[in-house]
Amino acid sequence: MLLMTKLKKTQREILETAEKLAVKYEALYRTCGQCTFLAIVEALRSGGIEIFPEETDELLFSGVCGFTGGTSMIIQGTCGAIVSSILVMGLAFGPDRVNQNEARVRRFCANIQETILDKFKKEYGSILCRDILNKNFGRVWNLADDEASNDFLQISHGCAIRQSVAWTTEIILEKLSHSPG
């Protein structure tokens, strides 16, 4: 559930913070799922937007680990940065158990499709890790292999992390600016 009292920063400042955190966390943690998740959540929090209590960070950070590398580094699945972005959007705006119904779920999923997924499809031609790697670097790596993963991380510069963080933070800020109250 999204909690906000008053913005502490401008939207531009929050977006700049998000991008800086994306770069910082990619260098520190080197996992697309976790870096994306943490950068979005902390950037929003720095601006006064609380998606969930801060004491839950570590638990959720651990939970998104398996999103990395197209789902547990198999590269065949959806990009981990996208999956973490969708998770944050769900935490912010997804229907809760009390208000869940088919229409709300369809609206939420349509919003995901029309925002973050469409942006990835336009930019990279796909939402799959393998396709994004191929578009960005002209090749793919076996990310489950230590040597190949280290080679990739030496040149990746965050792959799609920074872009996903920027887009998702912007989507959430835009939705908030159009929300009543």
N, C-alpha and C. Protein backbone atom coordinates (compact mmCIF):
# COMPACT_ATOMS: atom_id res chain seq x y z
N MET A 1 0.84 -1.18 0.00
CA MET A 1 0.00 0.00 0.00
C MET A 1 0.88 1.24 0.00
N LEU A 2 0.59 2.13 -0.88
CA LEU A 2 1.38 3.34 -1.04
C LEU A 2 1.03 4.36 0.03
N LEU A 3 2.06 4.82 0.73
CA LEU A 3 1.89 5.81 1.77
C LEU A 3 2.71 7.04 1.43
N MET A 4 2.11 8.21 1.53
CA MET A 4 2.84 9.43 1.24
C MET A 4 2.22 10.55 2.05
N THR A 5 3.04 11.31 2.67
CA THR A 5 2.53 12.48 3.36
C THR A 5 2.69 13.69 2.45
N LYS A 6 3.92 14.07 2.18
CA LYS A 6 4.20 15.18 1.30
C LYS A 6 5.56 14.92 0.65
N LEU A 7 5.67 15.22 -0.63
CA LEU A 7 6.95 15.01 -1.30
C LEU A 7 8.04 15.86 -0.65
N LYS A 8 9.19 15.23 -0.41
CA LYS A 8 10.34 15.92 0.16
C LYS A 8 11.26 16.45 -0.93
N LYS A 9 11.08 15.95 -2.15
CA LYS A 9 11.90 16.34 -3.30
C LYS A 9 10.98 16.54 -4.50
N THR A 10 11.51 17.21 -5.52
CA THR A 10 10.76 17.32 -6.77
C THR A 10 10.80 15.98 -7.49
N GLN A 11 9.91 15.81 -8.44
CA GLN A 11 9.92 14.58 -9.23
C GLN A 11 11.25 14.41 -9.94
N ARG A 12 11.80 15.49 -10.47
CA ARG A 12 13.10 15.43 -11.15
C ARG A 12 14.19 14.96 -10.20
N GLU A 13 14.20 15.46 -8.98
CA GLU A 13 15.20 15.05 -7.98
C GLU A 13 15.04 13.56 -7.63
N ILE A 14 13.81 13.10 -7.52
CA ILE A 14 13.57 11.68 -7.23
C ILE A 14 14.07 10.82 -8.38
N LEU A 15 13.81 11.24 -9.62
CA LEU A 15 14.29 10.49 -10.78
C LEU A 15 15.82 10.47 -10.84
N GLU A 16 16.45 11.59 -10.55
CA GLU A 16 17.92 11.65 -10.53
C GLU A 16 18.47 10.72 -9.45
N THR A 17 17.83 10.72 -8.29
CA THR A 17 18.25 9.82 -7.22
C THR A 17 18.10 8.37 -7.66
N ALA A 18 17.00 8.05 -8.32
CA ALA A 18 16.76 6.68 -8.78
C ALA A 18 17.87 6.22 -9.72
N GLU A 19 18.24 7.07 -10.66
CA GLU A 19 19.28 6.69 -11.62
C GLU A 19 20.64 6.54 -10.94
N LYS A 20 20.95 7.41 -10.01
CA LYS A 20 22.22 7.30 -9.27
C LYS A 20 22.26 6.02 -8.44
N LEU A 21 21.14 5.71 -7.80
CA LEU A 21 21.09 4.48 -7.01
C LEU A 21 21.19 3.24 -7.88
N ALA A 22 20.60 3.30 -9.08
CA ALA A 22 20.69 2.16 -10.00
C ALA A 22 22.15 1.86 -10.33
N VAL A 23 22.92 2.90 -10.61
CA VAL A 23 24.34 2.73 -10.93
C VAL A 23 25.10 2.22 -9.70
N LYS A 24 24.82 2.83 -8.55
CA LYS A 24 25.50 2.45 -7.31
C LYS A 24 25.24 0.97 -6.97
N TYR A 25 23.98 0.57 -7.02
CA TYR A 25 23.63 -0.79 -6.63
C TYR A 25 24.08 -1.83 -7.64
N GLU A 26 24.10 -1.46 -8.92
CA GLU A 26 24.60 -2.41 -9.92
C GLU A 26 26.07 -2.71 -9.65
N ALA A 27 26.83 -1.69 -9.30
CA ALA A 27 28.25 -1.89 -8.99
C ALA A 27 28.43 -2.69 -7.70
N LEU A 28 27.54 -2.49 -6.75
CA LEU A 28 27.65 -3.13 -5.44
C LEU A 28 27.11 -4.57 -5.43
N TYR A 29 25.89 -4.76 -5.94
CA TYR A 29 25.23 -6.07 -5.83
C TYR A 29 25.28 -6.90 -7.11
N ARG A 30 25.33 -6.24 -8.26
CA ARG A 30 25.51 -6.90 -9.56
C ARG A 30 24.39 -7.87 -9.93
N THR A 31 23.20 -7.61 -9.47
CA THR A 31 22.05 -8.44 -9.81
C THR A 31 20.89 -7.55 -10.25
N CYS A 32 20.38 -7.77 -11.44
CA CYS A 32 19.38 -6.86 -12.00
C CYS A 32 18.11 -6.79 -11.17
N GLY A 33 17.62 -7.92 -10.68
CA GLY A 33 16.38 -7.92 -9.91
C GLY A 33 16.50 -7.12 -8.63
N GLN A 34 17.54 -7.39 -7.87
CA GLN A 34 17.72 -6.72 -6.58
C GLN A 34 18.07 -5.24 -6.75
N CYS A 35 18.95 -4.94 -7.70
CA CYS A 35 19.36 -3.54 -7.90
C CYS A 35 18.18 -2.68 -8.34
N THR A 36 17.39 -3.20 -9.25
CA THR A 36 16.23 -2.45 -9.74
C THR A 36 15.25 -2.20 -8.60
N PHE A 37 14.93 -3.25 -7.89
CA PHE A 37 13.99 -3.15 -6.77
C PHE A 37 14.44 -2.10 -5.75
N LEU A 38 15.67 -2.25 -5.29
CA LEU A 38 16.18 -1.38 -4.23
C LEU A 38 16.30 0.07 -4.68
N ALA A 39 16.76 0.30 -5.90
CA ALA A 39 16.93 1.67 -6.40
C ALA A 39 15.58 2.39 -6.50
N ILE A 40 14.57 1.71 -7.00
CA ILE A 40 13.24 2.35 -7.11
C ILE A 40 12.68 2.66 -5.72
N VAL A 41 12.69 1.66 -4.86
CA VAL A 41 12.10 1.82 -3.53
C VAL A 41 12.81 2.91 -2.74
N GLU A 42 14.14 2.92 -2.75
CA GLU A 42 14.88 3.91 -1.97
C GLU A 42 14.78 5.30 -2.57
N ALA A 43 14.73 5.41 -3.88
CA ALA A 43 14.56 6.73 -4.50
C ALA A 43 13.20 7.32 -4.14
N LEU A 44 12.17 6.50 -4.24
CA LEU A 44 10.83 6.98 -3.87
C LEU A 44 10.79 7.37 -2.39
N ARG A 45 11.37 6.52 -1.56
CA ARG A 45 11.39 6.79 -0.13
C ARG A 45 12.13 8.10 0.17
N SER A 46 13.23 8.36 -0.54
CA SER A 46 14.00 9.59 -0.32
C SER A 46 13.16 10.83 -0.66
N GLY A 47 12.17 10.63 -1.51
CA GLY A 47 11.29 11.73 -1.89
C GLY A 47 10.01 11.81 -1.08
N GLY A 48 9.88 10.94 -0.08
CA GLY A 48 8.70 10.98 0.78
C GLY A 48 7.62 9.99 0.42
N ILE A 49 7.91 9.08 -0.49
CA ILE A 49 6.93 8.08 -0.93
C ILE A 49 7.33 6.73 -0.35
N GLU A 50 6.49 6.22 0.51
CA GLU A 50 6.76 4.95 1.20
C GLU A 50 5.82 3.89 0.64
N ILE A 51 6.36 2.88 -0.01
CA ILE A 51 5.54 1.81 -0.58
C ILE A 51 5.25 0.73 0.44
N PHE A 52 6.21 0.47 1.30
CA PHE A 52 6.06 -0.51 2.37
C PHE A 52 7.00 -0.10 3.49
N PRO A 53 6.80 -0.61 4.68
CA PRO A 53 7.66 -0.23 5.80
C PRO A 53 9.13 -0.58 5.54
N GLU A 54 10.01 0.31 5.93
CA GLU A 54 11.44 0.14 5.69
C GLU A 54 11.99 -1.15 6.29
N GLU A 55 11.43 -1.58 7.41
CA GLU A 55 11.93 -2.80 8.04
C GLU A 55 11.67 -4.05 7.19
N THR A 56 10.89 -3.93 6.14
CA THR A 56 10.60 -5.05 5.24
C THR A 56 11.64 -5.15 4.11
N ASP A 57 12.49 -4.13 3.96
CA ASP A 57 13.46 -4.08 2.86
C ASP A 57 14.29 -5.35 2.70
N GLU A 58 14.90 -5.79 3.78
CA GLU A 58 15.81 -6.94 3.69
C GLU A 58 15.09 -8.20 3.22
N LEU A 59 13.89 -8.42 3.73
CA LEU A 59 13.12 -9.59 3.35
C LEU A 59 12.79 -9.55 1.85
N LEU A 60 12.30 -8.42 1.40
CA LEU A 60 11.95 -8.29 -0.02
C LEU A 60 13.19 -8.32 -0.91
N PHE A 61 14.28 -7.68 -0.47
CA PHE A 61 15.53 -7.71 -1.22
C PHE A 61 15.98 -9.16 -1.45
N SER A 62 15.91 -9.96 -0.42
CA SER A 62 16.26 -11.38 -0.56
C SER A 62 15.30 -12.09 -1.51
N GLY A 63 14.04 -11.75 -1.42
CA GLY A 63 13.02 -12.41 -2.23
C GLY A 63 13.15 -12.16 -3.72
N VAL A 64 13.66 -11.00 -4.12
CA VAL A 64 13.75 -10.70 -5.55
C VAL A 64 15.04 -11.23 -6.18
N CYS A 65 15.90 -11.84 -5.40
CA CYS A 65 17.18 -12.36 -5.91
C CYS A 65 16.97 -13.28 -7.11
N GLY A 66 16.00 -14.14 -7.04
CA GLY A 66 15.76 -15.11 -8.11
C GLY A 66 15.25 -14.53 -9.41
N PHE A 67 14.91 -13.25 -9.44
CA PHE A 67 14.47 -12.61 -10.68
C PHE A 67 15.65 -12.35 -11.62
N THR A 68 16.84 -12.34 -11.09
CA THR A 68 18.03 -11.93 -11.83
C THR A 68 18.34 -12.84 -13.01
N GLY A 69 18.77 -12.21 -14.10
CA GLY A 69 19.21 -12.95 -15.28
C GLY A 69 18.11 -13.71 -15.98
N GLY A 70 16.95 -13.09 -16.12
CA GLY A 70 15.86 -13.75 -16.82
C GLY A 70 15.31 -14.94 -16.06
N THR A 71 15.23 -14.82 -14.78
CA THR A 71 14.75 -15.80 -13.81
C THR A 71 15.86 -16.81 -13.49
N SER A 72 16.48 -16.55 -12.38
CA SER A 72 17.53 -17.43 -11.84
C SER A 72 18.66 -17.70 -12.83
N MET A 73 18.99 -16.68 -13.59
CA MET A 73 20.13 -16.67 -14.53
C MET A 73 20.01 -17.66 -15.68
N ILE A 74 18.80 -18.05 -16.03
CA ILE A 74 18.65 -18.94 -17.19
C ILE A 74 18.58 -18.14 -18.49
N ILE A 75 18.41 -16.86 -18.42
CA ILE A 75 18.30 -15.87 -19.50
C ILE A 75 17.14 -16.10 -20.47
N GLN A 76 16.38 -17.16 -20.29
CA GLN A 76 15.25 -17.44 -21.17
C GLN A 76 13.98 -16.72 -20.73
N GLY A 77 13.96 -16.26 -19.48
CA GLY A 77 12.76 -15.66 -18.93
C GLY A 77 12.74 -14.15 -19.07
N THR A 78 11.75 -13.55 -18.46
CA THR A 78 11.60 -12.10 -18.46
C THR A 78 12.77 -11.46 -17.72
N CYS A 79 13.27 -10.38 -18.26
CA CYS A 79 14.37 -9.62 -17.65
C CYS A 79 14.07 -9.36 -16.17
N GLY A 80 15.05 -9.61 -15.31
CA GLY A 80 14.87 -9.41 -13.88
C GLY A 80 14.57 -7.98 -13.50
N ALA A 81 15.08 -7.02 -14.26
CA ALA A 81 14.78 -5.62 -13.99
C ALA A 81 13.29 -5.34 -14.22
N ILE A 82 12.73 -5.98 -15.23
CA ILE A 82 11.30 -5.80 -15.51
C ILE A 82 10.46 -6.44 -14.40
N VAL A 83 10.81 -7.65 -14.01
CA VAL A 83 10.03 -8.35 -12.99
C VAL A 83 10.04 -7.56 -11.68
N SER A 84 11.21 -7.04 -11.30
CA SER A 84 11.27 -6.23 -10.08
C SER A 84 10.48 -4.94 -10.23
N SER A 85 10.51 -4.35 -11.41
CA SER A 85 9.71 -3.14 -11.65
C SER A 85 8.22 -3.43 -11.49
N ILE A 86 7.79 -4.55 -12.03
CA ILE A 86 6.38 -4.94 -11.90
C ILE A 86 6.04 -5.19 -10.44
N LEU A 87 6.93 -5.81 -9.70
CA LEU A 87 6.69 -6.05 -8.27
C LEU A 87 6.50 -4.73 -7.53
N VAL A 88 7.38 -3.77 -7.78
CA VAL A 88 7.26 -2.47 -7.10
C VAL A 88 5.95 -1.79 -7.49
N MET A 89 5.59 -1.85 -8.76
CA MET A 89 4.32 -1.25 -9.19
C MET A 89 3.14 -1.95 -8.52
N GLY A 90 3.23 -3.27 -8.37
CA GLY A 90 2.17 -4.01 -7.68
C GLY A 90 2.08 -3.63 -6.22
N LEU A 91 3.23 -3.47 -5.57
CA LEU A 91 3.22 -3.04 -4.17
C LEU A 91 2.63 -1.64 -4.03
N ALA A 92 2.87 -0.81 -5.02
CA ALA A 92 2.37 0.57 -4.97
C ALA A 92 0.89 0.68 -5.34
N PHE A 93 0.46 -0.05 -6.38
CA PHE A 93 -0.87 0.18 -6.93
C PHE A 93 -1.72 -1.06 -7.16
N GLY A 94 -1.16 -2.23 -6.91
CA GLY A 94 -1.92 -3.45 -7.16
C GLY A 94 -3.09 -3.60 -6.20
N PRO A 95 -4.13 -4.28 -6.64
CA PRO A 95 -5.29 -4.47 -5.75
C PRO A 95 -4.94 -5.37 -4.57
N ASP A 96 -5.41 -5.00 -3.40
CA ASP A 96 -5.18 -5.83 -2.22
C ASP A 96 -6.27 -6.88 -2.10
N ARG A 97 -6.17 -7.75 -1.13
CA ARG A 97 -7.15 -8.84 -0.99
C ARG A 97 -8.57 -8.32 -0.76
N VAL A 98 -8.70 -7.28 0.00
CA VAL A 98 -10.03 -6.74 0.30
C VAL A 98 -10.71 -6.20 -0.96
N ASN A 99 -9.92 -5.55 -1.82
CA ASN A 99 -10.47 -4.90 -3.01
C ASN A 99 -10.25 -5.67 -4.31
N GLN A 100 -9.78 -6.89 -4.22
CA GLN A 100 -9.46 -7.66 -5.41
C GLN A 100 -10.72 -8.13 -6.11
N ASN A 101 -10.76 -7.95 -7.40
CA ASN A 101 -11.75 -8.56 -8.26
C ASN A 101 -11.17 -8.63 -9.67
N GLU A 102 -11.81 -9.36 -10.56
CA GLU A 102 -11.25 -9.58 -11.89
C GLU A 102 -11.04 -8.28 -12.64
N ALA A 103 -11.97 -7.35 -12.53
CA ALA A 103 -11.84 -6.09 -13.25
C ALA A 103 -10.63 -5.29 -12.77
N ARG A 104 -10.41 -5.24 -11.47
CA ARG A 104 -9.25 -4.51 -10.93
C ARG A 104 -7.94 -5.16 -11.37
N VAL A 105 -7.90 -6.48 -11.36
CA VAL A 105 -6.69 -7.19 -11.79
C VAL A 105 -6.43 -6.90 -13.27
N ARG A 106 -7.47 -6.96 -14.09
CA ARG A 106 -7.30 -6.67 -15.52
C ARG A 106 -6.81 -5.24 -15.74
N ARG A 107 -7.38 -4.28 -15.00
CA ARG A 107 -6.93 -2.88 -15.14
C ARG A 107 -5.48 -2.72 -14.72
N PHE A 108 -5.11 -3.35 -13.61
CA PHE A 108 -3.73 -3.26 -13.16
C PHE A 108 -2.79 -3.88 -14.20
N CYS A 109 -3.12 -5.06 -14.69
CA CYS A 109 -2.27 -5.73 -15.69
C CYS A 109 -2.22 -4.93 -17.00
N ALA A 110 -3.33 -4.35 -17.39
CA ALA A 110 -3.32 -3.52 -18.60
C ALA A 110 -2.41 -2.32 -18.41
N ASN A 111 -2.41 -1.75 -17.20
CA ASN A 111 -1.51 -0.63 -16.92
C ASN A 111 -0.05 -1.06 -17.03
N ILE A 112 0.28 -2.24 -16.53
CA ILE A 112 1.64 -2.77 -16.64
C ILE A 112 2.00 -2.95 -18.12
N GLN A 113 1.09 -3.53 -18.88
CA GLN A 113 1.35 -3.76 -20.30
C GLN A 113 1.55 -2.45 -21.06
N GLU A 114 0.73 -1.45 -20.73
CA GLU A 114 0.76 -0.18 -21.46
C GLU A 114 1.88 0.75 -21.02
N THR A 115 2.54 0.42 -19.93
CA THR A 115 3.61 1.29 -19.44
C THR A 115 4.96 0.58 -19.56
N ILE A 116 5.38 -0.10 -18.54
CA ILE A 116 6.73 -0.64 -18.50
C ILE A 116 6.97 -1.69 -19.60
N LEU A 117 6.01 -2.58 -19.84
CA LEU A 117 6.24 -3.60 -20.86
C LEU A 117 6.33 -2.99 -22.26
N ASP A 118 5.45 -2.04 -22.56
CA ASP A 118 5.52 -1.38 -23.87
C ASP A 118 6.83 -0.62 -24.05
N LYS A 119 7.32 0.02 -22.99
CA LYS A 119 8.59 0.73 -23.09
C LYS A 119 9.73 -0.23 -23.42
N PHE A 120 9.75 -1.38 -22.77
CA PHE A 120 10.79 -2.36 -23.05
C PHE A 120 10.66 -2.93 -24.46
N LYS A 121 9.45 -3.21 -24.88
CA LYS A 121 9.26 -3.75 -26.22
C LYS A 121 9.70 -2.75 -27.29
N LYS A 122 9.40 -1.47 -27.06
CA LYS A 122 9.82 -0.44 -28.02
C LYS A 122 11.34 -0.27 -28.02
N GLU A 123 11.95 -0.25 -26.86
CA GLU A 123 13.40 -0.02 -26.75
C GLU A 123 14.23 -1.24 -27.15
N TYR A 124 13.80 -2.42 -26.69
CA TYR A 124 14.62 -3.62 -26.86
C TYR A 124 14.00 -4.67 -27.78
N GLY A 125 12.75 -4.47 -28.18
CA GLY A 125 12.08 -5.43 -29.03
C GLY A 125 11.54 -6.64 -28.29
N SER A 126 11.68 -6.67 -26.98
CA SER A 126 11.31 -7.85 -26.20
C SER A 126 11.37 -7.52 -24.71
N ILE A 127 10.80 -8.41 -23.90
CA ILE A 127 10.95 -8.31 -22.45
C ILE A 127 11.82 -9.44 -21.91
N LEU A 128 12.34 -10.28 -22.80
CA LEU A 128 13.14 -11.42 -22.39
C LEU A 128 14.61 -11.04 -22.21
N CYS A 129 15.20 -11.54 -21.15
CA CYS A 129 16.61 -11.28 -20.84
C CYS A 129 17.51 -11.55 -22.04
N ARG A 130 17.37 -12.70 -22.63
CA ARG A 130 18.21 -13.11 -23.76
C ARG A 130 18.14 -12.08 -24.90
N ASP A 131 16.96 -11.63 -25.23
CA ASP A 131 16.78 -10.68 -26.33
C ASP A 131 17.36 -9.31 -25.98
N ILE A 132 17.22 -8.91 -24.72
CA ILE A 132 17.77 -7.63 -24.29
C ILE A 132 19.29 -7.68 -24.31
N LEU A 133 19.88 -8.77 -23.86
CA LEU A 133 21.33 -8.93 -23.94
C LEU A 133 21.80 -8.85 -25.39
N ASN A 134 21.11 -9.57 -26.26
CA ASN A 134 21.49 -9.59 -27.67
C ASN A 134 21.36 -8.20 -28.30
N LYS A 135 20.31 -7.49 -27.97
CA LYS A 135 20.11 -6.13 -28.51
C LYS A 135 21.20 -5.19 -27.99
N ASN A 136 21.50 -5.24 -26.70
CA ASN A 136 22.49 -4.34 -26.10
C ASN A 136 23.93 -4.67 -26.47
N PHE A 137 24.24 -5.96 -26.58
CA PHE A 137 25.64 -6.37 -26.67
C PHE A 137 25.96 -7.24 -27.89
N GLY A 138 24.93 -7.60 -28.64
CA GLY A 138 25.16 -8.43 -29.82
C GLY A 138 25.48 -9.88 -29.50
N ARG A 139 25.26 -10.27 -28.27
CA ARG A 139 25.50 -11.65 -27.86
C ARG A 139 24.84 -11.90 -26.51
N VAL A 140 24.82 -13.15 -26.11
CA VAL A 140 24.28 -13.53 -24.80
C VAL A 140 25.36 -14.29 -24.03
N TRP A 141 25.20 -14.35 -22.73
CA TRP A 141 26.13 -15.05 -21.86
C TRP A 141 25.38 -16.09 -21.04
N ASN A 142 26.07 -17.13 -20.66
CA ASN A 142 25.53 -18.09 -19.70
C ASN A 142 25.79 -17.48 -18.32
N LEU A 143 24.84 -16.77 -17.78
CA LEU A 143 25.03 -16.03 -16.54
C LEU A 143 25.17 -16.93 -15.32
N ALA A 144 24.83 -18.19 -15.46
CA ALA A 144 25.01 -19.14 -14.35
C ALA A 144 26.47 -19.59 -14.23
N ASP A 145 27.27 -19.33 -15.25
CA ASP A 145 28.69 -19.67 -15.25
C ASP A 145 29.48 -18.49 -14.68
N ASP A 146 30.30 -18.74 -13.66
CA ASP A 146 31.03 -17.67 -12.99
C ASP A 146 31.88 -16.84 -13.94
N GLU A 147 32.65 -17.50 -14.78
CA GLU A 147 33.54 -16.77 -15.68
C GLU A 147 32.75 -15.94 -16.69
N ALA A 148 31.74 -16.52 -17.30
CA ALA A 148 30.91 -15.80 -18.27
C ALA A 148 30.18 -14.64 -17.60
N SER A 149 29.66 -14.88 -16.40
CA SER A 149 28.96 -13.83 -15.66
C SER A 149 29.90 -12.68 -15.33
N ASN A 150 31.12 -12.99 -14.90
CA ASN A 150 32.10 -11.93 -14.61
C ASN A 150 32.47 -11.16 -15.87
N ASP A 151 32.61 -11.86 -17.00
CA ASP A 151 32.88 -11.18 -18.28
C ASP A 151 31.76 -10.21 -18.61
N PHE A 152 30.52 -10.69 -18.46
CA PHE A 152 29.36 -9.84 -18.73
C PHE A 152 29.35 -8.62 -17.81
N LEU A 153 29.55 -8.84 -16.53
CA LEU A 153 29.47 -7.75 -15.56
C LEU A 153 30.57 -6.70 -15.78
N GLN A 154 31.67 -7.09 -16.40
CA GLN A 154 32.74 -6.13 -16.69
C GLN A 154 32.32 -5.10 -17.75
N ILE A 155 31.40 -5.47 -18.63
CA ILE A 155 31.01 -4.57 -19.72
C ILE A 155 29.55 -4.13 -19.68
N SER A 156 28.77 -4.68 -18.76
CA SER A 156 27.31 -4.48 -18.82
C SER A 156 26.85 -3.07 -18.49
N HIS A 157 27.56 -2.39 -17.64
CA HIS A 157 27.16 -1.03 -17.20
C HIS A 157 25.69 -1.00 -16.82
N GLY A 158 25.25 -2.02 -16.14
CA GLY A 158 23.88 -2.06 -15.65
C GLY A 158 22.87 -2.64 -16.61
N CYS A 159 23.30 -3.02 -17.81
CA CYS A 159 22.40 -3.60 -18.80
C CYS A 159 21.12 -2.78 -18.89
N ALA A 160 20.00 -3.31 -18.42
CA ALA A 160 18.72 -2.59 -18.49
C ALA A 160 18.28 -2.04 -17.13
N ILE A 161 19.14 -2.15 -16.14
CA ILE A 161 18.77 -1.74 -14.79
C ILE A 161 18.44 -0.25 -14.73
N ARG A 162 19.36 0.60 -15.16
CA ARG A 162 19.15 2.04 -15.04
C ARG A 162 17.90 2.48 -15.80
N GLN A 163 17.70 1.92 -17.00
CA GLN A 163 16.54 2.29 -17.80
C GLN A 163 15.24 1.84 -17.12
N SER A 164 15.23 0.63 -16.60
CA SER A 164 14.03 0.12 -15.93
C SER A 164 13.71 0.93 -14.68
N VAL A 165 14.74 1.26 -13.91
CA VAL A 165 14.56 2.07 -12.70
C VAL A 165 13.98 3.44 -13.07
N ALA A 166 14.55 4.08 -14.08
CA ALA A 166 14.07 5.40 -14.49
C ALA A 166 12.63 5.34 -14.97
N TRP A 167 12.33 4.39 -15.84
CA TRP A 167 10.97 4.28 -16.36
C TRP A 167 9.96 3.99 -15.25
N THR A 168 10.27 3.04 -14.40
CA THR A 168 9.32 2.64 -13.36
C THR A 168 9.10 3.76 -12.35
N THR A 169 10.17 4.42 -11.94
CA THR A 169 10.04 5.54 -11.01
C THR A 169 9.18 6.62 -11.63
N GLU A 170 9.42 6.91 -12.89
CA GLU A 170 8.63 7.93 -13.59
C GLU A 170 7.15 7.52 -13.70
N ILE A 171 6.89 6.26 -13.99
CA ILE A 171 5.51 5.76 -14.09
C ILE A 171 4.80 5.94 -12.75
N ILE A 172 5.46 5.56 -11.67
CA ILE A 172 4.86 5.68 -10.34
C ILE A 172 4.62 7.15 -9.98
N LEU A 173 5.59 8.00 -10.26
CA LEU A 173 5.42 9.43 -9.97
C LEU A 173 4.30 10.03 -10.81
N GLU A 174 4.21 9.63 -12.05
CA GLU A 174 3.14 10.13 -12.92
C GLU A 174 1.78 9.68 -12.42
N LYS A 175 1.67 8.43 -12.03
CA LYS A 175 0.40 7.93 -11.49
C LYS A 175 0.02 8.67 -10.21
N LEU A 176 1.00 8.92 -9.36
CA LEU A 176 0.74 9.67 -8.14
C LEU A 176 0.28 11.10 -8.41
N SER A 177 0.86 11.71 -9.42
CA SER A 177 0.49 13.10 -9.71
C SER A 177 -0.94 13.21 -10.24
N HIS A 178 -1.49 12.10 -10.71
CA HIS A 178 -2.87 12.08 -11.20
C HIS A 178 -3.85 11.45 -10.22
N SER A 179 -3.34 11.04 -9.07
CA SER A 179 -4.20 10.41 -8.06
C SER A 179 -4.86 11.48 -7.19
N PRO A 180 -6.13 11.29 -6.86
CA PRO A 180 -6.78 12.25 -5.98
C PRO A 180 -6.18 12.21 -4.57
N GLY A 181 -6.14 13.37 -3.96
CA GLY A 181 -5.70 13.49 -2.57
C GLY A 181 -4.26 13.28 -2.43
